[in-house]
């Protein structure tokens, strides 16, 4: 997998296509409680209302719109 294609910036560009007329902003960022994995919530305003998407960082450093699966080595 090409990590450049799974960078947070590339995913925000893919899902939101930001431009001066429809800027995006980070509204929340932190780590998950259980496994301390990073997540970011990005939001924009569309004519139909707000659009917010959570992005989750995976163990390989890539970002996805779904959380990583819990590994058997990590405590639950």
Protein backbone atom coordinates (compact mmCIF):
# COMPACT_ATOMS: atom_id res chain seq x y z
CA UNK A 1 0.00 0.00 0.00
CA UNK A 2 1.29 3.45 -0.89
CA UNK A 3 1.13 5.46 2.36
CA UNK A 4 0.92 8.72 0.39
CA UNK A 5 -2.47 7.52 -0.85
CA UNK A 6 -3.57 6.91 2.74
CA UNK A 7 -2.30 10.15 4.26
CA UNK A 8 -4.81 12.23 6.16
CA UNK A 9 -4.41 15.05 3.64
CA UNK A 10 -5.09 12.80 0.65
CA UNK A 11 -8.21 11.36 2.29
CA UNK A 12 -9.54 14.81 3.18
CA UNK A 13 -8.98 15.85 -0.44
CA UNK A 14 -10.73 12.71 -1.67
CA UNK A 15 -13.78 12.89 0.61
CA UNK A 16 -14.26 16.67 0.83
CA UNK A 17 -12.56 18.23 -2.25
CA UNK A 18 -11.92 21.40 -0.23
CA UNK A 19 -11.66 24.76 -1.96
CA UNK A 20 -12.07 28.40 -0.91
CA UNK A 21 -15.86 28.13 -1.28
CA UNK A 22 -16.09 24.96 0.84
CA UNK A 23 -13.26 24.97 3.37
CA UNK A 24 -12.79 22.16 5.86
CA UNK A 25 -11.79 22.32 9.50
CA UNK A 26 -10.69 19.90 12.15
CA UNK A 27 -13.36 19.90 14.84
CA UNK A 28 -11.98 17.19 17.09
CA UNK A 29 -8.83 15.15 17.51
CA UNK A 30 -7.65 12.83 20.22
CA UNK A 31 -6.88 9.20 20.92
CA UNK A 32 -9.29 6.32 21.43
CA UNK A 33 -9.77 5.22 25.02
CA UNK A 34 -9.02 1.55 24.60
CA UNK A 35 -5.96 1.46 22.39
CA UNK A 36 -4.79 5.08 22.33
CA UNK A 37 -5.06 5.24 18.55
CA UNK A 38 -5.32 8.66 16.95
CA UNK A 39 -8.48 9.95 15.34
CA UNK A 40 -9.48 13.24 13.72
CA UNK A 41 -12.92 14.62 12.89
CA UNK A 42 -12.98 16.86 9.82
CA UNK A 43 -16.04 18.96 8.99
CA UNK A 44 -17.34 21.20 6.24
CA UNK A 45 -20.62 22.91 5.49
CA UNK A 46 -22.59 21.91 2.40
CA UNK A 47 -25.85 23.41 1.08
CA UNK A 48 -27.63 20.41 2.59
CA UNK A 49 -26.01 20.93 5.99
CA UNK A 50 -22.84 19.97 7.83
CA UNK A 51 -20.72 17.01 6.75
CA UNK A 52 -18.35 15.47 9.30
CA UNK A 53 -16.13 12.43 8.84
CA UNK A 54 -13.92 10.70 11.39
CA UNK A 55 -10.54 9.44 10.20
CA UNK A 56 -8.57 6.82 12.17
CA UNK A 57 -4.84 6.22 12.11
CA UNK A 58 -3.76 2.61 11.65
CA UNK A 59 -0.63 0.87 12.96
CA UNK A 60 1.20 1.32 9.65
CA UNK A 61 0.70 5.09 9.83
CA UNK A 62 -2.06 5.20 7.22
CA UNK A 63 -5.41 6.90 7.82
CA UNK A 64 -8.82 5.40 7.00
CA UNK A 65 -12.50 6.18 7.54
CA UNK A 66 -12.85 3.00 9.59
CA UNK A 67 -11.07 2.22 12.87
CA UNK A 68 -8.32 -0.40 12.93
CA UNK A 69 -9.17 -3.84 14.18
CA UNK A 70 -8.05 -4.64 17.69
CA UNK A 71 -4.95 -6.78 17.69
CA UNK A 72 -4.77 -9.89 19.88
CA UNK A 73 -1.61 -8.50 21.54
CA UNK A 74 -3.29 -5.38 22.85
CA UNK A 75 -5.29 -5.44 26.10
CA UNK A 76 -9.04 -4.88 25.82
